[in-house]
Amino acid sequence: MFGDMMGMMGKLKETQKKVEDTKKRLDTVLVDESSNDNKLKVTLTANRTIKSIEVADELLEDKEQLEDYLILTLNKAIEKATSINEAELAAVAKEGMPNIPGMDMFK
């Protein structure tokens, strides 16, 4: 039993390292999103850090419209980035989980 516990602890540490490596890699995965008419474009990392925002000149003339575009487009980009982030981290976590009966968290 003690040997099994040491093996599990080693596997958990290995998984923790893989999760950290995956988080670093996700900083290099870029998610692009545009408004339907391409007047606003945003780029985020899969860790949800904004990298760039491109705004068409015509949007600069209407503050309220620009704010609406930003909210809609950023929310779509954040949703995509979150989906990628969660899928990648869940895959690494599932791979590294010890086989404990009754603990089937990632089916």
N, C-alpha and C. Protein backbone atom coordinates (compact mmCIF):
# COMPACT_ATOMS: atom_id res chain seq x y z
N MET A 1 0.83 -1.20 0.00
CA MET A 1 0.00 0.00 0.00
C MET A 1 0.86 1.25 0.00
N PHE A 2 1.95 1.25 0.81
CA PHE A 2 2.81 2.42 0.89
C PHE A 2 3.47 2.70 -0.46
N GLY A 3 3.87 1.62 -1.14
CA GLY A 3 4.46 1.76 -2.48
C GLY A 3 3.47 2.35 -3.46
N ASP A 4 2.21 1.92 -3.38
CA ASP A 4 1.18 2.46 -4.25
C ASP A 4 0.99 3.96 -3.99
N MET A 5 1.04 4.33 -2.73
CA MET A 5 0.86 5.73 -2.36
C MET A 5 2.01 6.58 -2.92
N MET A 6 3.22 6.06 -2.84
CA MET A 6 4.38 6.79 -3.38
C MET A 6 4.27 6.91 -4.89
N GLY A 7 3.81 5.84 -5.52
CA GLY A 7 3.62 5.87 -6.97
C GLY A 7 2.58 6.90 -7.37
N MET A 8 1.49 6.95 -6.61
CA MET A 8 0.43 7.93 -6.89
C MET A 8 0.95 9.35 -6.70
N MET A 9 1.72 9.58 -5.65
CA MET A 9 2.26 10.91 -5.39
C MET A 9 3.20 11.33 -6.52
N GLY A 10 4.02 10.39 -6.99
CA GLY A 10 4.91 10.69 -8.10
C GLY A 10 4.13 11.03 -9.36
N LYS A 11 3.07 10.28 -9.61
CA LYS A 11 2.25 10.52 -10.79
C LYS A 11 1.55 11.87 -10.69
N LEU A 12 1.08 12.21 -9.49
CA LEU A 12 0.43 13.51 -9.30
C LEU A 12 1.41 14.66 -9.53
N LYS A 13 2.64 14.51 -9.06
CA LYS A 13 3.65 15.56 -9.30
C LYS A 13 3.96 15.69 -10.78
N GLU A 14 4.04 14.55 -11.45
CA GLU A 14 4.28 14.56 -12.89
C GLU A 14 3.14 15.26 -13.62
N THR A 15 1.91 14.97 -13.20
CA THR A 15 0.74 15.60 -13.81
C THR A 15 0.74 17.10 -13.55
N GLN A 16 1.10 17.49 -12.35
CA GLN A 16 1.15 18.91 -12.00
C GLN A 16 2.14 19.63 -12.93
N LYS A 17 3.26 19.01 -13.20
CA LYS A 17 4.26 19.60 -14.10
C LYS A 17 3.69 19.70 -15.51
N LYS A 18 2.98 18.66 -15.96
CA LYS A 18 2.38 18.69 -17.29
C LYS A 18 1.32 19.79 -17.39
N VAL A 19 0.55 19.99 -16.32
CA VAL A 19 -0.46 21.05 -16.31
C VAL A 19 0.23 22.41 -16.43
N GLU A 20 1.30 22.62 -15.69
CA GLU A 20 2.03 23.90 -15.77
C GLU A 20 2.61 24.10 -17.16
N ASP A 21 3.17 23.05 -17.75
CA ASP A 21 3.70 23.14 -19.11
C ASP A 21 2.60 23.46 -20.11
N THR A 22 1.44 22.86 -19.92
CA THR A 22 0.30 23.12 -20.81
C THR A 22 -0.16 24.58 -20.68
N LYS A 23 -0.20 25.09 -19.47
CA LYS A 23 -0.58 26.50 -19.27
C LYS A 23 0.39 27.43 -20.00
N LYS A 24 1.68 27.13 -19.93
CA LYS A 24 2.68 27.95 -20.64
C LYS A 24 2.46 27.86 -22.15
N ARG A 25 2.19 26.65 -22.63
CA ARG A 25 1.96 26.47 -24.07
C ARG A 25 0.72 27.22 -24.53
N LEU A 26 -0.30 27.26 -23.69
CA LEU A 26 -1.54 27.94 -24.05
C LEU A 26 -1.34 29.45 -24.21
N ASP A 27 -0.25 29.98 -23.65
CA ASP A 27 0.08 31.39 -23.86
C ASP A 27 0.48 31.64 -25.31
N THR A 28 0.83 30.57 -26.04
CA THR A 28 1.25 30.73 -27.44
C THR A 28 0.15 30.37 -28.42
N VAL A 29 -0.97 29.84 -27.92
CA VAL A 29 -2.10 29.48 -28.77
C VAL A 29 -2.98 30.72 -28.92
N LEU A 30 -3.12 31.20 -30.15
CA LEU A 30 -3.88 32.43 -30.38
C LEU A 30 -5.29 32.12 -30.89
N VAL A 31 -6.24 32.90 -30.38
CA VAL A 31 -7.64 32.78 -30.76
C VAL A 31 -8.04 34.11 -31.40
N ASP A 32 -8.46 34.06 -32.66
CA ASP A 32 -8.90 35.26 -33.37
C ASP A 32 -10.42 35.27 -33.44
N GLU A 33 -10.98 36.44 -33.26
CA GLU A 33 -12.44 36.60 -33.38
C GLU A 33 -12.70 37.96 -34.04
N SER A 34 -13.72 38.00 -34.88
CA SER A 34 -14.09 39.24 -35.57
C SER A 34 -15.59 39.46 -35.41
N SER A 35 -15.97 40.72 -35.50
CA SER A 35 -17.40 41.02 -35.56
C SER A 35 -17.92 40.49 -36.89
N ASN A 36 -19.23 40.35 -37.01
CA ASN A 36 -19.82 39.78 -38.23
C ASN A 36 -19.43 40.55 -39.49
N ASP A 37 -19.25 41.87 -39.35
CA ASP A 37 -18.90 42.69 -40.51
C ASP A 37 -17.40 43.01 -40.58
N ASN A 38 -16.61 42.37 -39.73
CA ASN A 38 -15.15 42.55 -39.69
C ASN A 38 -14.70 43.97 -39.35
N LYS A 39 -15.55 44.75 -38.71
CA LYS A 39 -15.14 46.10 -38.30
C LYS A 39 -14.30 46.07 -37.02
N LEU A 40 -14.36 44.95 -36.30
CA LEU A 40 -13.58 44.81 -35.08
C LEU A 40 -12.98 43.41 -35.06
N LYS A 41 -11.69 43.34 -34.79
CA LYS A 41 -11.00 42.05 -34.71
C LYS A 41 -10.20 42.03 -33.41
N VAL A 42 -10.27 40.90 -32.71
CA VAL A 42 -9.50 40.75 -31.47
C VAL A 42 -8.73 39.43 -31.52
N THR A 43 -7.59 39.43 -30.86
CA THR A 43 -6.78 38.23 -30.73
C THR A 43 -6.46 38.05 -29.26
N LEU A 44 -6.73 36.84 -28.76
CA LEU A 44 -6.44 36.47 -27.37
C LEU A 44 -5.58 35.23 -27.37
N THR A 45 -4.90 34.98 -26.24
CA THR A 45 -4.25 33.69 -26.07
C THR A 45 -5.31 32.74 -25.51
N ALA A 46 -5.02 31.44 -25.54
CA ALA A 46 -5.95 30.47 -24.96
C ALA A 46 -6.01 30.61 -23.43
N ASN A 47 -5.09 31.40 -22.86
CA ASN A 47 -5.16 31.72 -21.43
C ASN A 47 -5.92 33.02 -21.19
N ARG A 48 -6.58 33.50 -22.23
CA ARG A 48 -7.48 34.65 -22.16
C ARG A 48 -6.77 35.98 -21.89
N THR A 49 -5.60 36.15 -22.47
CA THR A 49 -4.89 37.42 -22.42
C THR A 49 -5.06 38.10 -23.77
N ILE A 50 -5.53 39.34 -23.77
CA ILE A 50 -5.74 40.06 -25.03
C ILE A 50 -4.39 40.42 -25.62
N LYS A 51 -4.19 40.07 -26.89
CA LYS A 51 -2.95 40.36 -27.60
C LYS A 51 -3.09 41.54 -28.55
N SER A 52 -4.26 41.65 -29.20
CA SER A 52 -4.45 42.77 -30.11
C SER A 52 -5.93 43.04 -30.33
N ILE A 53 -6.21 44.30 -30.67
CA ILE A 53 -7.56 44.73 -31.05
C ILE A 53 -7.41 45.64 -32.26
N GLU A 54 -8.14 45.34 -33.32
CA GLU A 54 -8.14 46.18 -34.52
C GLU A 54 -9.55 46.75 -34.67
N VAL A 55 -9.62 48.08 -34.81
CA VAL A 55 -10.90 48.76 -34.90
C VAL A 55 -10.96 49.54 -36.20
N ALA A 56 -12.04 49.34 -36.96
CA ALA A 56 -12.24 50.11 -38.19
C ALA A 56 -12.49 51.58 -37.82
N ASP A 57 -11.97 52.47 -38.63
CA ASP A 57 -12.07 53.91 -38.36
C ASP A 57 -13.51 54.35 -38.14
N GLU A 58 -14.44 53.79 -38.89
CA GLU A 58 -15.84 54.23 -38.77
C GLU A 58 -16.43 53.95 -37.38
N LEU A 59 -15.89 52.93 -36.68
CA LEU A 59 -16.38 52.65 -35.33
C LEU A 59 -15.92 53.70 -34.32
N LEU A 60 -14.85 54.39 -34.66
CA LEU A 60 -14.32 55.42 -33.75
C LEU A 60 -15.23 56.64 -33.67
N GLU A 61 -16.14 56.74 -34.60
CA GLU A 61 -17.05 57.89 -34.64
C GLU A 61 -18.26 57.72 -33.73
N ASP A 62 -18.52 56.49 -33.26
CA ASP A 62 -19.70 56.21 -32.45
C ASP A 62 -19.28 55.40 -31.22
N LYS A 63 -19.09 56.09 -30.11
CA LYS A 63 -18.60 55.46 -28.88
C LYS A 63 -19.49 54.30 -28.43
N GLU A 64 -20.79 54.50 -28.44
CA GLU A 64 -21.71 53.46 -27.98
C GLU A 64 -21.64 52.22 -28.87
N GLN A 65 -21.59 52.44 -30.17
CA GLN A 65 -21.49 51.31 -31.10
C GLN A 65 -20.17 50.56 -30.88
N LEU A 66 -19.07 51.29 -30.70
CA LEU A 66 -17.78 50.65 -30.45
C LEU A 66 -17.82 49.82 -29.17
N GLU A 67 -18.43 50.35 -28.14
CA GLU A 67 -18.54 49.60 -26.88
C GLU A 67 -19.33 48.31 -27.08
N ASP A 68 -20.42 48.38 -27.84
CA ASP A 68 -21.22 47.19 -28.12
C ASP A 68 -20.41 46.15 -28.90
N TYR A 69 -19.69 46.61 -29.91
CA TYR A 69 -18.84 45.71 -30.69
C TYR A 69 -17.80 45.04 -29.80
N LEU A 70 -17.16 45.84 -28.94
CA LEU A 70 -16.14 45.28 -28.05
C LEU A 70 -16.71 44.21 -27.13
N ILE A 71 -17.85 44.49 -26.54
CA ILE A 71 -18.46 43.53 -25.63
C ILE A 71 -18.79 42.23 -26.35
N LEU A 72 -19.47 42.32 -27.49
CA LEU A 72 -19.88 41.13 -28.21
C LEU A 72 -18.69 40.32 -28.72
N THR A 73 -17.74 41.00 -29.33
CA THR A 73 -16.61 40.30 -29.94
C THR A 73 -15.67 39.74 -28.89
N LEU A 74 -15.39 40.50 -27.84
CA LEU A 74 -14.53 39.99 -26.77
C LEU A 74 -15.17 38.81 -26.06
N ASN A 75 -16.46 38.87 -25.82
CA ASN A 75 -17.13 37.74 -25.16
C ASN A 75 -17.05 36.47 -26.02
N LYS A 76 -17.22 36.60 -27.34
CA LYS A 76 -17.10 35.43 -28.22
C LYS A 76 -15.68 34.89 -28.19
N ALA A 77 -14.69 35.77 -28.21
CA ALA A 77 -13.29 35.33 -28.17
C ALA A 77 -12.95 34.68 -26.84
N ILE A 78 -13.43 35.24 -25.75
CA ILE A 78 -13.17 34.67 -24.42
C ILE A 78 -13.82 33.29 -24.31
N GLU A 79 -15.01 33.15 -24.85
CA GLU A 79 -15.69 31.85 -24.83
C GLU A 79 -14.89 30.80 -25.60
N LYS A 80 -14.38 31.15 -26.77
CA LYS A 80 -13.56 30.22 -27.55
C LYS A 80 -12.28 29.87 -26.79
N ALA A 81 -11.60 30.88 -26.25
CA ALA A 81 -10.34 30.66 -25.54
C ALA A 81 -10.57 29.79 -24.30
N THR A 82 -11.65 30.04 -23.60
CA THR A 82 -11.97 29.25 -22.41
C THR A 82 -12.22 27.79 -22.78
N SER A 83 -12.92 27.58 -23.88
CA SER A 83 -13.20 26.21 -24.33
C SER A 83 -11.90 25.46 -24.64
N ILE A 84 -10.98 26.12 -25.34
CA ILE A 84 -9.69 25.51 -25.67
C ILE A 84 -8.91 25.24 -24.38
N ASN A 85 -8.86 26.24 -23.51
CA ASN A 85 -8.13 26.13 -22.25
C ASN A 85 -8.63 24.96 -21.41
N GLU A 86 -9.93 24.89 -21.22
CA GLU A 86 -10.51 23.84 -20.38
C GLU A 86 -10.30 22.46 -20.99
N ALA A 87 -10.44 22.34 -22.31
CA ALA A 87 -10.26 21.05 -22.96
C ALA A 87 -8.82 20.57 -22.82
N GLU A 88 -7.86 21.46 -23.03
CA GLU A 88 -6.45 21.09 -22.95
C GLU A 88 -6.07 20.69 -21.52
N LEU A 89 -6.49 21.48 -20.55
CA LEU A 89 -6.13 21.18 -19.16
C LEU A 89 -6.85 19.93 -18.65
N ALA A 90 -8.09 19.72 -19.07
CA ALA A 90 -8.82 18.52 -18.65
C ALA A 90 -8.15 17.27 -19.22
N ALA A 91 -7.67 17.35 -20.46
CA ALA A 91 -7.01 16.20 -21.08
C ALA A 91 -5.74 15.83 -20.31
N VAL A 92 -4.97 16.84 -19.92
CA VAL A 92 -3.74 16.58 -19.17
C VAL A 92 -4.07 16.03 -17.78
N ALA A 93 -5.08 16.61 -17.14
CA ALA A 93 -5.45 16.16 -15.80
C ALA A 93 -5.98 14.73 -15.83
N LYS A 94 -6.80 14.42 -16.83
CA LYS A 94 -7.36 13.07 -16.92
C LYS A 94 -6.26 12.04 -17.16
N GLU A 95 -5.33 12.40 -18.00
CA GLU A 95 -4.22 11.50 -18.32
C GLU A 95 -3.39 11.17 -17.07
N GLY A 96 -3.28 12.13 -16.17
CA GLY A 96 -2.42 11.93 -15.01
C GLY A 96 -3.11 11.50 -13.75
N MET A 97 -4.42 11.32 -13.80
CA MET A 97 -5.14 10.92 -12.59
C MET A 97 -4.87 9.45 -12.27
N PRO A 98 -4.59 9.16 -11.01
CA PRO A 98 -4.42 7.76 -10.63
C PRO A 98 -5.77 7.04 -10.72
N ASN A 99 -5.73 5.76 -10.94
CA ASN A 99 -6.95 4.96 -11.07
C ASN A 99 -7.46 4.62 -9.67
N ILE A 100 -8.33 5.47 -9.13
CA ILE A 100 -8.91 5.26 -7.82
C ILE A 100 -10.36 4.84 -8.01
N PRO A 101 -10.73 3.65 -7.56
CA PRO A 101 -12.11 3.18 -7.74
C PRO A 101 -13.11 4.19 -7.19
N GLY A 102 -14.16 4.43 -7.96
CA GLY A 102 -15.22 5.35 -7.53
C GLY A 102 -14.91 6.81 -7.78
N MET A 103 -13.75 7.12 -8.35
CA MET A 103 -13.36 8.51 -8.59
C MET A 103 -13.31 8.79 -10.08
N ASP A 104 -14.32 8.38 -10.82
CA ASP A 104 -14.37 8.59 -12.26
C ASP A 104 -14.89 10.00 -12.55
N MET A 105 -14.07 11.00 -12.31
CA MET A 105 -14.50 12.39 -12.47
C MET A 105 -14.51 12.83 -13.92
N PHE A 106 -13.64 12.25 -14.76
CA PHE A 106 -13.52 12.72 -16.13
C PHE A 106 -13.97 11.64 -17.10
N LYS A 107 -15.25 11.47 -17.25
CA LYS A 107 -15.77 10.48 -18.20
C LYS A 107 -16.10 11.12 -19.50
